[in-house]
Protein backbone atom coordinates (compact mmCIF):
# COMPACT_ATOMS: atom_id res chain seq x y z
CA MET A 1 -14.99 3.28 2.81
CA VAL A 2 -14.15 0.76 5.51
CA GLY A 3 -17.33 -0.13 7.40
CA TYR A 4 -15.87 -0.95 10.83
CA VAL A 5 -12.70 0.23 12.56
CA VAL A 6 -11.27 -1.05 15.84
CA TYR A 7 -8.28 0.86 17.21
CA GLY A 8 -6.16 0.39 20.31
CA ARG A 9 -3.20 -1.34 21.87
CA GLY A 10 -4.00 -5.01 22.36
CA SER A 11 -7.06 -4.86 20.11
CA PHE A 12 -5.71 -7.79 18.06
CA ASP A 13 -6.85 -9.99 20.95
CA GLN A 14 -10.46 -9.05 20.13
CA LEU A 15 -10.19 -10.69 16.70
CA ASP A 16 -12.06 -13.87 17.65
CA GLU A 17 -14.96 -11.81 18.99
CA ILE A 18 -14.92 -9.54 15.91
CA LEU A 19 -15.07 -12.49 13.50
CA GLN A 20 -17.69 -14.48 15.37
CA PRO A 21 -20.81 -12.80 13.87
CA ARG A 22 -19.40 -13.32 10.36
CA ARG A 23 -18.61 -16.99 10.77
CA GLU A 24 -20.78 -19.39 8.83
CA GLU A 25 -20.13 -23.11 8.46
CA LYS A 26 -17.44 -22.16 5.98
CA PRO A 27 -13.87 -21.43 7.18
CA MET A 28 -12.03 -18.18 7.67
CA ILE A 29 -8.75 -17.89 5.76
CA PHE A 30 -5.94 -16.00 7.50
CA LEU A 31 -3.45 -14.61 4.98
CA VAL A 32 -0.35 -13.75 7.01
CA ASP A 33 2.96 -12.14 6.01
CA HIS A 34 5.55 -14.94 5.89
CA PHE A 35 7.72 -12.82 8.23
CA PHE A 36 5.49 -14.07 11.08
CA GLU A 37 5.83 -17.79 10.35
CA LYS A 38 6.96 -19.52 13.58
CA LYS A 39 6.72 -16.17 15.41
CA PRO A 40 4.52 -15.52 18.50
CA LEU A 41 1.92 -13.55 16.53
CA ALA A 42 1.02 -16.62 14.48
CA ASP A 43 0.11 -18.49 17.69
CA ARG A 44 -2.34 -15.72 18.66
CA ILE A 45 -4.49 -16.09 15.52
CA PRO A 46 -7.93 -17.41 16.57
CA VAL A 47 -8.16 -20.47 14.32
CA ARG A 48 -11.48 -22.34 14.64
CA GLY A 49 -12.75 -25.52 12.95
CA LYS A 50 -11.58 -25.73 9.33
CA ASP A 51 -9.97 -22.28 9.36
CA LYS A 52 -6.64 -22.10 7.57
CA ILE A 53 -3.53 -19.93 7.89
CA ILE A 54 -1.70 -19.23 4.63
CA PHE A 55 1.71 -17.60 5.00
CA ALA A 56 1.95 -15.28 2.00
CA ASP A 57 5.30 -14.87 0.29
CA VAL A 58 5.63 -11.09 0.02
CA THR A 59 9.35 -11.05 -0.77
CA TYR A 60 8.20 -9.24 -3.89
CA GLU A 61 5.12 -7.09 -4.32
CA PRO A 62 1.95 -8.96 -5.28
CA LYS A 63 1.61 -10.28 -8.82
CA THR A 64 -1.70 -11.06 -10.49
CA SER A 65 -0.43 -14.60 -11.08
CA TYR A 66 0.09 -15.08 -7.32
CA VAL A 67 -3.37 -13.68 -6.51
CA ASP A 68 -4.94 -16.08 -9.02
CA ALA A 69 -2.93 -19.03 -7.68
CA VAL A 70 -3.88 -18.47 -4.03
CA ALA A 71 -7.53 -17.74 -4.83
CA GLY A 72 -7.61 -20.90 -6.97
CA GLN A 73 -6.04 -22.94 -4.16
CA ILE A 74 -8.67 -21.72 -1.68
CA LYS A 75 -11.55 -22.41 -4.10
CA ASN A 76 -10.25 -25.90 -4.85
CA GLU A 77 -9.86 -26.76 -1.18
CA PHE A 78 -12.96 -25.15 0.32
CA GLY A 79 -15.23 -23.96 -2.47
CA LYS A 80 -16.54 -21.00 -0.50
CA VAL A 81 -15.22 -19.30 2.65
CA SER A 82 -16.60 -17.02 5.35
CA GLY A 83 -13.87 -14.44 4.92
CA ILE A 84 -10.26 -13.47 4.18
CA ILE A 85 -8.23 -11.88 6.97
CA GLY A 86 -5.00 -10.15 5.91
CA ILE A 87 -2.31 -9.71 8.58
CA GLY A 88 0.89 -7.92 7.55
CA GLY A 89 2.27 -4.94 5.67
CA GLY A 90 0.84 -3.25 2.61
CA SER A 91 1.62 -6.13 0.24
CA THR A 92 -0.19 -8.65 2.43
CA LEU A 93 -3.18 -6.34 2.85
CA ASP A 94 -3.37 -5.77 -0.91
CA LEU A 95 -3.16 -9.54 -1.48
CA ALA A 96 -6.02 -10.14 0.95
CA LYS A 97 -8.22 -7.57 -0.79
CA ALA A 98 -7.44 -8.98 -4.23
CA ILE A 99 -8.03 -12.61 -3.20
CA SER A 100 -11.33 -11.64 -1.55
CA LEU A 101 -12.46 -10.06 -4.84
CA MET A 102 -11.31 -13.03 -6.93
CA MET A 103 -13.34 -15.44 -4.82
CA ASN A 104 -16.47 -13.91 -6.38
CA ASN A 105 -15.31 -12.53 -9.75
CA PRO A 106 -14.51 -14.67 -12.82
CA GLY A 107 -11.29 -14.74 -14.83
CA SER A 108 -7.91 -13.40 -13.75
CA SER A 109 -7.15 -10.51 -11.42
CA ALA A 110 -5.26 -8.98 -14.39
CA ASP A 111 -8.68 -8.45 -16.01
CA TYR A 112 -9.56 -5.98 -13.26
CA GLN A 113 -6.42 -3.80 -13.25
CA GLY A 114 -7.84 -0.32 -13.76
CA TRP A 115 -10.68 1.79 -12.45
CA ASP A 116 -14.14 0.40 -11.62
CA LEU A 117 -13.77 -2.87 -13.53
CA VAL A 118 -14.67 -5.20 -10.64
CA LYS A 119 -18.24 -6.46 -11.13
CA TYR A 120 -19.14 -8.18 -7.83
CA PRO A 121 -18.32 -7.68 -4.12
CA GLY A 122 -15.68 -10.02 -2.72
CA VAL A 123 -16.09 -12.19 0.33
CA TYR A 124 -15.95 -10.57 3.79
CA LYS A 125 -12.45 -9.19 4.33
CA VAL A 126 -10.52 -7.86 7.32
CA GLY A 127 -7.23 -5.92 7.28
CA ILE A 128 -4.79 -5.92 10.20
CA PRO A 129 -1.62 -3.89 9.46
CA THR A 130 1.69 -4.79 11.07
CA LEU A 131 3.49 -1.89 9.37
CA SER A 132 2.26 1.69 9.19
CA GLY A 133 2.39 4.03 6.23
CA THR A 134 0.96 2.53 3.06
CA GLY A 135 -2.67 3.35 3.82
CA ALA A 136 -3.58 -0.04 2.29
CA GLU A 137 -5.86 -0.62 5.28
CA VAL A 138 -8.28 2.05 4.00
CA SER A 139 -7.56 2.47 0.28
CA ARG A 140 -9.93 1.50 -2.54
CA THR A 141 -7.15 -0.14 -4.50
CA THR A 142 -5.01 -3.24 -4.36
CA VAL A 143 -1.77 -2.61 -6.23
CA LEU A 144 -0.75 -5.54 -8.44
CA THR A 145 1.93 -6.24 -11.02
CA GLY A 146 0.31 -7.90 -14.02
CA PRO A 147 1.62 -9.31 -17.30
CA THR A 148 1.74 -5.89 -18.97
CA LYS A 149 1.40 -3.26 -16.24
CA LYS A 150 1.52 -2.41 -12.57
CA LEU A 151 -1.90 -1.10 -11.66
CA GLY A 152 -4.44 -1.56 -8.90
CA MET A 153 -7.90 -3.07 -8.82
CA ASN A 154 -9.46 0.32 -8.06
CA SER A 155 -13.13 -0.09 -7.17
CA ASP A 156 -15.85 0.50 -4.60
CA PHE A 157 -15.69 -3.22 -3.82
CA THR A 158 -11.98 -3.17 -2.90
CA PRO A 159 -11.89 -1.63 0.62
CA PHE A 160 -11.91 -3.87 3.68
CA ASP A 161 -15.17 -4.47 5.53
CA GLN A 162 -13.34 -4.30 8.87
CA ILE A 163 -9.90 -3.18 10.02
CA VAL A 164 -8.15 -3.74 13.33
CA LEU A 165 -5.50 -1.11 14.14
CA ASP A 166 -3.26 -2.34 16.95
CA PRO A 167 -0.03 -0.29 17.26
CA GLU A 168 1.57 -3.08 19.34
CA LEU A 169 1.82 -5.17 16.16
CA THR A 170 4.19 -2.63 14.58
CA SER A 171 6.62 -2.35 17.49
CA ASN A 172 9.20 -4.84 16.17
CA ALA A 173 9.35 -3.55 12.61
CA PRO A 174 12.90 -3.26 11.18
CA VAL A 175 14.10 0.36 11.38
CA ASN A 176 14.75 0.83 7.64
CA GLN A 177 11.48 -0.83 6.65
CA ARG A 178 9.57 1.32 9.13
CA PHE A 179 11.13 4.45 7.66
CA TYR A 180 10.47 3.53 4.01
CA THR A 181 6.85 2.67 4.77
CA GLY A 182 6.42 5.79 6.90
CA MET A 183 7.76 7.87 4.02
CA ASP A 184 5.10 6.35 1.77
CA CYS A 185 2.60 8.07 4.06
CA TYR A 186 4.59 11.34 4.10
CA ILE A 187 4.77 11.34 0.29
CA HIS A 188 1.03 10.56 0.06
CA CYS A 189 0.41 13.73 2.05
CA ILE A 190 2.73 15.97 0.03
CA GLU A 191 1.28 14.74 -3.28
CA SER A 192 -2.32 14.94 -2.10
CA LEU A 193 -2.01 18.41 -0.53
CA GLN A 194 -0.31 19.88 -3.62
CA GLY A 195 -2.52 18.11 -6.14
CA THR A 196 -5.16 19.59 -8.42
CA TYR A 197 -7.74 17.10 -7.08
CA LEU A 198 -7.49 18.57 -3.56
CA ASN A 199 -10.74 19.15 -1.65
CA GLU A 200 -11.61 19.82 1.99
CA PHE A 201 -12.11 16.12 2.77
CA SER A 202 -8.66 15.07 1.55
CA LYS A 203 -7.08 18.28 2.87
CA SER A 204 -8.36 17.72 6.41
CA TYR A 205 -7.00 14.17 6.61
CA GLY A 206 -3.81 15.01 4.70
CA GLU A 207 -2.87 17.88 7.00
CA LYS A 208 -3.35 15.72 10.10
CA ALA A 209 -1.33 12.85 8.63
CA LEU A 210 1.48 15.24 7.69
CA GLN A 211 1.49 16.70 11.20
CA LEU A 212 1.84 13.21 12.71
CA CYS A 213 4.62 12.25 10.26
CA ARG A 214 6.56 15.35 11.26
CA LYS A 215 6.12 14.56 14.96
CA VAL A 216 7.49 11.06 14.43
CA PHE A 217 10.31 11.65 11.94
CA VAL A 218 11.34 15.27 12.59
CA GLU A 219 10.51 16.34 16.15
CA LYS A 220 11.02 13.18 18.24
CA GLN A 221 14.54 12.21 19.24
CA GLN A 222 13.89 8.49 19.77
CA TRP A 223 11.30 5.90 18.83
CA ASP A 224 8.78 4.88 21.49
CA ASN A 225 5.28 3.44 21.85
CA GLU A 226 3.74 6.82 21.11
CA SER A 227 5.64 6.85 17.80
CA ASP A 228 3.95 3.58 16.80
CA ASP A 229 0.55 5.00 17.80
CA GLN A 230 1.09 8.21 15.86
CA LEU A 231 2.44 6.59 12.70
CA MET A 232 -0.47 4.13 12.62
CA MET A 233 -2.94 7.01 12.71
CA ALA A 234 -0.87 8.95 10.15
CA SER A 235 -1.16 5.94 7.83
CA TYR A 236 -4.94 5.79 8.34
CA ALA A 237 -5.41 9.53 7.79
CA GLY A 238 -3.03 9.57 4.81
CA GLY A 239 -4.96 6.72 3.21
CA MET A 240 -8.23 8.57 3.82
CA SER A 241 -6.74 11.70 2.25
CA ILE A 242 -5.94 10.01 -1.05
CA ALA A 243 -9.28 8.16 -1.04
CA TYR A 244 -10.86 11.47 -2.09
CA SER A 245 -7.97 12.79 -4.16
CA GLN A 246 -4.88 11.11 -5.66
CA VAL A 247 -1.13 10.74 -5.34
CA GLY A 248 1.31 12.28 -7.81
CA VAL A 249 4.68 12.23 -9.56
CA ALA A 250 6.61 10.06 -7.08
CA HIS A 251 4.05 7.27 -7.19
CA ALA A 252 3.63 7.46 -10.97
CA VAL A 253 7.39 7.16 -11.52
CA SER A 254 7.97 4.50 -8.84
CA TYR A 255 5.35 2.25 -10.46
CA GLY A 256 7.67 1.98 -13.47
CA LEU A 257 10.61 1.08 -11.23
CA SER A 258 8.59 -1.56 -9.44
CA TYR A 259 7.30 -3.11 -12.66
CA LEU A 260 10.74 -3.45 -14.25
CA LEU A 261 13.11 -3.90 -11.31
CA GLY A 262 10.81 -5.27 -8.60
CA THR A 263 11.63 -2.29 -6.35
CA ARG A 264 9.36 -2.38 -3.32
CA HIS A 265 6.82 0.42 -3.07
CA GLY A 266 8.07 2.31 -0.02
CA ILE A 267 11.74 2.34 -0.96
CA GLY A 268 10.86 3.04 -4.60
CA ASN A 269 8.94 6.16 -3.58
CA CYS A 270 11.94 7.30 -1.52
CA ILE A 271 14.36 6.76 -4.45
CA VAL A 272 12.12 8.83 -6.74
CA PHE A 273 11.03 11.54 -4.29
CA ASP A 274 14.68 12.29 -3.50
CA LYS A 275 14.97 13.67 -7.05
CA LEU A 276 11.71 15.61 -7.34
CA GLU A 277 12.77 19.12 -6.26
CA GLU A 278 11.22 20.50 -9.47
CA TYR A 279 7.74 19.36 -8.40
CA TYR A 280 7.80 19.32 -4.57
CA PRO A 281 10.72 21.59 -3.46
CA GLU A 282 9.71 22.05 0.18
CA GLY A 283 8.72 18.42 0.65
CA VAL A 284 11.97 17.11 -0.85
CA TYR A 285 14.02 19.47 1.35
CA GLU A 286 12.25 18.16 4.47
CA PHE A 287 12.51 14.57 3.22
CA LYS A 288 16.29 14.85 2.88
CA LYS A 289 16.50 16.17 6.45
CA MET A 290 14.46 13.20 7.71
CA VAL A 291 16.69 10.75 5.84
CA GLN A 292 19.78 12.30 7.45
CA LYS A 293 18.24 12.52 10.93
CA ASN A 294 17.08 8.91 10.90
CA GLY A 295 20.34 7.55 9.47
CA VAL A 296 18.70 5.74 6.56
CA ASP A 297 20.31 4.95 3.21
CA ILE A 298 18.47 5.72 -0.03
CA PRO A 299 19.77 3.48 -2.86
CA ARG A 300 21.26 5.30 -5.84
CA ASN A 301 22.21 4.50 -9.45
CA ILE A 302 19.64 1.71 -9.68
CA THR A 303 18.82 2.52 -13.34
CA LYS A 304 22.47 2.63 -14.43
CA GLY A 305 23.15 0.38 -17.40
CA LEU A 306 19.52 -0.19 -18.39
CA THR A 307 18.75 -0.56 -22.10
CA ASP A 308 16.56 1.76 -24.16
CA GLU A 309 13.93 -0.97 -24.21
CA GLN A 310 13.94 -1.17 -20.40
CA PHE A 311 13.70 2.60 -20.00
CA ASN A 312 10.82 2.68 -22.48
CA LYS A 313 8.95 0.01 -20.53
CA MET A 314 9.24 1.99 -17.30
CA ILE A 315 8.13 5.15 -19.11
CA ASP A 316 5.09 3.39 -20.61
CA VAL A 317 4.04 1.98 -17.22
CA SER A 318 4.45 5.38 -15.59
CA LEU A 319 2.53 7.30 -18.26
CA GLY A 320 -0.30 4.78 -17.89
CA MET A 321 -1.01 6.26 -14.44
CA LYS A 322 -3.10 9.07 -15.93
CA PRO A 323 -5.07 10.15 -12.82
CA LEU A 324 -1.80 10.51 -10.87
CA TRP A 325 -0.24 12.76 -13.50
CA GLU A 326 -3.43 14.81 -13.83
CA ASN A 327 -3.57 15.30 -10.06
CA ALA A 328 0.07 16.40 -10.02
CA LEU A 329 0.19 18.61 -13.10
CA GLY A 330 -3.39 19.37 -14.15
CA LYS A 331 -5.47 18.48 -17.20
CA ASP A 332 -2.69 19.53 -19.61
CA TRP A 333 -0.17 17.13 -18.01
CA GLU A 334 0.63 15.44 -21.34
CA GLN A 335 2.15 18.70 -22.59
CA LEU A 336 4.23 19.01 -19.41
CA ILE A 337 5.67 15.51 -18.99
CA THR A 338 7.10 14.10 -22.23
CA LYS A 339 8.79 10.72 -22.71
CA GLU A 340 12.12 12.55 -23.07
CA LYS A 341 11.66 14.39 -19.77
CA LEU A 342 10.63 11.20 -18.00
CA ARG A 343 13.66 9.38 -19.44
CA LYS A 344 15.97 12.03 -17.94
CA LEU A 345 14.25 11.64 -14.57
CA TYR A 346 14.66 7.85 -14.63
CA GLU A 347 18.35 8.28 -15.55
CA LYS A 348 18.85 10.35 -12.35
CA LEU A 349 17.72 7.43 -10.18
């Protein structure tokens, strides 16, 4: 679990003070979403000495090749560093976690896609979300697309050492992006609360996160500062919920979409969840109401015209997410979700 949490409006301005005890003679590396290049936030980053800002290209979700390239660049330039500070949405936070781990682990990040494969702790790492919903700020995974699969570096060494939760940083998020990312949190909650892995720890956090999502996307008539506050805490609680359980069908299926088509995680979950009445009838009904109320478009027909080979690749990637399927359907999940059934689901998208 994350060791230190700072929450509050304006808390980003405490970053220099937060980092000071962890500074050695080696630099801090600030990995920042390229969205903020030449924006005011970049000027507020407390760069000291040989510190470096790297604007991460997160046009697409993180690839193992990109993690390896950035980690290699940092090693070549500095050898060792005091820490990696990720500032951005879920992709940037996942990149920061992965690069931190690869500073101290040999080989390629693709070698560590799976569960509990990481051998050594990474360098000190800090997560500062500028979008709310993914739960990447507290999760024990960093989701990466590798040469053969899309799968996280799931390990006890993956979570951040410190996070800074400042709702002010999310206030200028594009409306559609905010919704898609917020729905990632909502879907986390539905999948966690209906999963076979459910326990009182995940249930307590999941119920609170779901309550906050409903306040923001169902009950409120317009977006305000309180909405940013509530969605940030929903993201945190939703991430904590799945830390002790798992997600389910929507995530398992959207991983296949993302691997083949490059569909971003939040919107991919929305595309899939929209068609999952068989598994989450009440959640899908409420989801459709939220889509309509918030005036957001969910892309359709994105798998039209794909070849058998392409469908099979998505199916293979999805079926590789065994803990997700087991959480959703139980230990006999392989009898319940066949390749043929999954093919029909992908064709609906």
